[in-house]
Amino acid sequence: QVQLVESGGGLVQAGDSLRLSCAASGGTFSYLSLGWFRQTPGKEREFVAAINWNGNRAYYTDSVKGRFTISRDNDEKKMYHQMNSLKAEDTDAYYCAADGDTPVGPSWYDAGDYDYWGQGTQVTVSS
């Protein structure tokens, strides 16, 4: 069983940066495919970014390309989400997710494909 804990959320102004972290315990971290999702209450969880097991492939939703960077440190068992040039529309609860298998094609973007989830961390961007 894999446990995930996010940290690093907060209240910032538009144009600022934040770095989210996701610490994992249990399981074999380097085997996991990892992702970041975000969710507004009452809406479906939305894909933001994902990274493969060794960090040499990353996927992003169009709205964050060029602003957000996903990375991982397998030795530290951590994943990171550097968010630059934040916008008010980035306000959401952000969740890290892990998949015990390697997603194929569209599965990278599908919340239902991920097996483990953190409790979420709130990011609020004031305009």
C-alpha atoms as a PDB file:
ATOM      1  CA  GLN A   1       0.000   0.000   0.000  1.00  0.00           C
ATOM      2  CA  VAL A   2       1.301   3.422  -0.973  1.00  0.00           C
ATOM      3  CA  GLN A   3       0.630   6.517   1.120  1.00  0.00           C
ATOM      4  CA  LEU A   4       0.980   9.976  -0.421  1.00  0.00           C
ATOM      5  CA  VAL A   5       1.160  13.280   1.430  1.00  0.00           C
ATOM      6  CA  GLU A   6       1.114  16.626  -0.345  1.00  0.00           C
ATOM      7  CA  SER A   7       2.526  19.879   0.987  1.00  0.00           C
ATOM      8  CA  GLY A   8       3.377  23.352  -0.238  1.00  0.00           C
ATOM      9  CA  GLY A   9      -0.019  24.835  -0.997  1.00  0.00           C
ATOM     10  CA  GLY A  10      -0.990  28.325   0.080  1.00  0.00           C
ATOM     11  CA  LEU A  11      -2.338  31.739  -0.823  1.00  0.00           C
ATOM     12  CA  VAL A  12      -0.384  33.708  -3.411  1.00  0.00           C
ATOM     13  CA  GLN A  13      -0.948  36.559  -5.824  1.00  0.00           C
ATOM     14  CA  ALA A  14      -1.283  36.194  -9.563  1.00  0.00           C
ATOM     15  CA  GLY A  15       2.145  35.910 -11.175  1.00  0.00           C
ATOM     16  CA  ASP A  16       3.735  34.312  -8.114  1.00  0.00           C
ATOM     17  CA  SER A  17       5.214  30.824  -7.875  1.00  0.00           C
ATOM     18  CA  LEU A  18       4.631  27.837  -5.630  1.00  0.00           C
ATOM     19  CA  ARG A  19       6.256  24.433  -5.389  1.00  0.00           C
ATOM     20  CA  LEU A  20       4.134  21.523  -4.294  1.00  0.00           C
ATOM     21  CA  SER A  21       5.707  18.373  -2.905  1.00  0.00           C
ATOM     22  CA  CYS A  22       4.343  14.857  -2.641  1.00  0.00           C
ATOM     23  CA  ALA A  23       6.062  12.451  -0.259  1.00  0.00           C
ATOM     24  CA  ALA A  24       5.457   8.739  -0.643  1.00  0.00           C
ATOM     25  CA  SER A  25       5.791   5.837   1.747  1.00  0.00           C
ATOM     26  CA  GLY A  26       5.139   2.148   1.238  1.00  0.00           C
ATOM     27  CA  GLY A  27       5.564   0.347  -2.041  1.00  0.00           C
ATOM     28  CA  THR A  28       8.494   0.777  -4.409  1.00  0.00           C
ATOM     29  CA  PHE A  29       8.531   4.429  -5.390  1.00  0.00           C
ATOM     30  CA  SER A  30      10.617   4.017  -8.534  1.00  0.00           C
ATOM     31  CA  TYR A  31       8.018   1.623  -9.982  1.00  0.00           C
ATOM     32  CA  LEU A  32       5.233   4.198  -9.739  1.00  0.00           C
ATOM     33  CA  SER A  33       3.895   6.450 -12.451  1.00  0.00           C
ATOM     34  CA  LEU A  34       2.923   9.739 -10.808  1.00  0.00           C
ATOM     35  CA  GLY A  35       0.542  12.559 -11.516  1.00  0.00           C
ATOM     36  CA  TRP A  36      -0.935  15.802 -10.267  1.00  0.00           C
ATOM     37  CA  PHE A  37      -4.648  16.493 -10.501  1.00  0.00           C
ATOM     38  CA  ARG A  38      -6.755  19.380  -9.278  1.00  0.00           C
ATOM     39  CA  GLN A  39     -10.370  19.701  -8.306  1.00  0.00           C
ATOM     40  CA  THR A  40     -12.904  22.379  -7.570  1.00  0.00           C
ATOM     41  CA  PRO A  41     -15.796  21.320  -5.287  1.00  0.00           C
ATOM     42  CA  GLY A  42     -18.678  20.068  -7.387  1.00  0.00           C
ATOM     43  CA  LYS A  43     -16.503  19.398 -10.432  1.00  0.00           C
ATOM     44  CA  GLU A  44     -14.594  16.383 -11.685  1.00  0.00           C
ATOM     45  CA  ARG A  45     -10.955  15.934 -10.840  1.00  0.00           C
ATOM     46  CA  GLU A  46      -8.866  17.451 -13.633  1.00  0.00           C
ATOM     47  CA  PHE A  47      -5.524  16.198 -14.940  1.00  0.00           C
ATOM     48  CA  VAL A  48      -2.646  18.660 -14.588  1.00  0.00           C
ATOM     49  CA  ALA A  49       0.630  16.778 -15.114  1.00  0.00           C
ATOM     50  CA  ALA A  50       2.166  13.320 -14.980  1.00  0.00           C
ATOM     51  CA  ILE A  51       5.639  11.799 -15.018  1.00  0.00           C
ATOM     52  CA  ASN A  52       6.913   8.334 -15.773  1.00  0.00           C
ATOM     53  CA  TRP A  53       8.980   6.127 -13.493  1.00  0.00           C
ATOM     54  CA  ASN A  54      12.424   7.603 -14.216  1.00  0.00           C
ATOM     55  CA  GLY A  55      11.363  11.159 -14.982  1.00  0.00           C
ATOM     56  CA  ASN A  56      12.313  11.218 -18.641  1.00  0.00           C
ATOM     57  CA  ARG A  57       8.740  11.621 -19.865  1.00  0.00           C
ATOM     58  CA  ALA A  58       6.277  14.251 -18.658  1.00  0.00           C
ATOM     59  CA  TYR A  59       2.758  15.149 -19.703  1.00  0.00           C
ATOM     60  CA  TYR A  60       0.878  18.386 -19.124  1.00  0.00           C
ATOM     61  CA  THR A  61      -2.580  19.744 -19.722  1.00  0.00           C
ATOM     62  CA  ASP A  62      -2.480  22.565 -22.264  1.00  0.00           C
ATOM     63  CA  SER A  63      -3.403  25.309 -19.796  1.00  0.00           C
ATOM     64  CA  VAL A  64      -0.235  24.801 -17.726  1.00  0.00           C
ATOM     65  CA  LYS A  65       2.367  24.058 -20.415  1.00  0.00           C
ATOM     66  CA  GLY A  66       5.306  26.405 -20.095  1.00  0.00           C
ATOM     67  CA  ARG A  67       4.293  27.430 -16.552  1.00  0.00           C
ATOM     68  CA  PHE A  68       4.290  24.205 -14.523  1.00  0.00           C
ATOM     69  CA  THR A  69       7.049  21.593 -14.256  1.00  0.00           C
ATOM     70  CA  ILE A  70       6.658  18.150 -12.757  1.00  0.00           C
ATOM     71  CA  SER A  71       9.698  16.281 -11.432  1.00  0.00           C
ATOM     72  CA  ARG A  72      10.600  13.439  -9.114  1.00  0.00           C
ATOM     73  CA  ASP A  73      13.424  12.254  -6.910  1.00  0.00           C
ATOM     74  CA  ASN A  74      13.329   8.479  -6.594  1.00  0.00           C
ATOM     75  CA  ASP A  75      16.017   8.439  -3.921  1.00  0.00           C
ATOM     76  CA  GLU A  76      14.002  10.824  -1.728  1.00  0.00           C
ATOM     77  CA  LYS A  77      10.673   9.215  -2.727  1.00  0.00           C
ATOM     78  CA  LYS A  78       9.245  12.586  -3.590  1.00  0.00           C
ATOM     79  CA  MET A  79       7.495  14.244  -6.492  1.00  0.00           C
ATOM     80  CA  TYR A  80       7.472  17.983  -7.096  1.00  0.00           C
ATOM     81  CA  HIS A  81       5.282  20.417  -8.959  1.00  0.00           C
ATOM     82  CA  GLN A  82       6.862  23.773  -9.682  1.00  0.00           C
ATOM     83  CA  MET A  83       4.123  26.237 -10.587  1.00  0.00           C
ATOM     84  CA  ASN A  84       5.182  29.585 -12.042  1.00  0.00           C
ATOM     85  CA  SER A  85       3.184  32.542 -13.356  1.00  0.00           C
ATOM     86  CA  LEU A  86       0.166  31.435 -11.375  1.00  0.00           C
ATOM     87  CA  LYS A  87      -3.242  32.634 -12.457  1.00  0.00           C
ATOM     88  CA  ALA A  88      -6.518  32.997 -10.574  1.00  0.00           C
ATOM     89  CA  GLU A  89      -7.904  30.081 -12.595  1.00  0.00           C
ATOM     90  CA  ASP A  90      -5.205  27.830 -11.102  1.00  0.00           C
ATOM     91  CA  THR A  91      -7.001  28.081  -7.748  1.00  0.00           C
ATOM     92  CA  ASP A  92      -7.951  24.556  -6.708  1.00  0.00           C
ATOM     93  CA  ALA A  93      -7.205  21.684  -4.389  1.00  0.00           C
ATOM     94  CA  TYR A  94      -4.214  19.823  -5.835  1.00  0.00           C
ATOM     95  CA  TYR A  95      -3.815  16.079  -5.417  1.00  0.00           C
ATOM     96  CA  CYS A  96      -0.861  13.825  -6.117  1.00  0.00           C
ATOM     97  CA  ALA A  97      -1.616  10.396  -7.485  1.00  0.00           C
ATOM     98  CA  ALA A  98       0.309   7.206  -8.127  1.00  0.00           C
ATOM     99  CA  ASP A  99      -0.292   4.350 -10.521  1.00  0.00           C
ATOM    100  CA  GLY A 100       1.294   0.965  -9.911  1.00  0.00           C
ATOM    101  CA  ASP A 101       1.325   0.325 -13.644  1.00  0.00           C
ATOM    102  CA  THR A 102       2.554   2.443 -16.539  1.00  0.00           C
ATOM    103  CA  PRO A 103      -0.433   4.178 -18.122  1.00  0.00           C
ATOM    104  CA  VAL A 104      -0.830   3.853 -21.855  1.00  0.00           C
ATOM    105  CA  GLY A 105      -1.852   6.765 -24.062  1.00  0.00           C
ATOM    106  CA  PRO A 106      -4.932   8.580 -22.731  1.00  0.00           C
ATOM    107  CA  SER A 107      -4.714   6.705 -19.417  1.00  0.00           C
ATOM    108  CA  TRP A 108      -2.059   9.163 -18.266  1.00  0.00           C
ATOM    109  CA  TYR A 109      -4.811  11.788 -18.122  1.00  0.00           C
ATOM    110  CA  ASP A 110      -7.496   9.617 -16.510  1.00  0.00           C
ATOM    111  CA  ALA A 111      -7.950   9.983 -12.752  1.00  0.00           C
ATOM    112  CA  GLY A 112      -9.633   6.571 -12.706  1.00  0.00           C
ATOM    113  CA  ASP A 113      -6.396   4.927 -13.812  1.00  0.00           C
ATOM    114  CA  TYR A 114      -4.476   5.952 -10.682  1.00  0.00           C
ATOM    115  CA  ASP A 115      -4.466   3.655  -7.668  1.00  0.00           C
ATOM    116  CA  TYR A 116      -3.321   5.878  -4.807  1.00  0.00           C
ATOM    117  CA  TRP A 117      -4.158   9.440  -3.821  1.00  0.00           C
ATOM    118  CA  GLY A 118      -3.008  12.030  -1.340  1.00  0.00           C
ATOM    119  CA  GLN A 119      -5.347  14.107   0.781  1.00  0.00           C
ATOM    120  CA  GLY A 120      -4.835  17.258  -1.290  1.00  0.00           C
ATOM    121  CA  THR A 121      -3.347  20.689  -0.698  1.00  0.00           C
ATOM    122  CA  GLN A 122      -5.146  23.951  -1.416  1.00  0.00           C
ATOM    123  CA  VAL A 123      -3.694  26.504  -3.815  1.00  0.00           C
ATOM    124  CA  THR A 124      -5.402  29.895  -3.897  1.00  0.00           C
ATOM    125  CA  VAL A 125      -4.303  32.572  -6.352  1.00  0.00           C
ATOM    126  CA  SER A 126      -5.668  36.066  -5.843  1.00  0.00           C
ATOM    127  CA  SER A 127      -5.960  38.333  -8.855  1.00  0.00           C
END
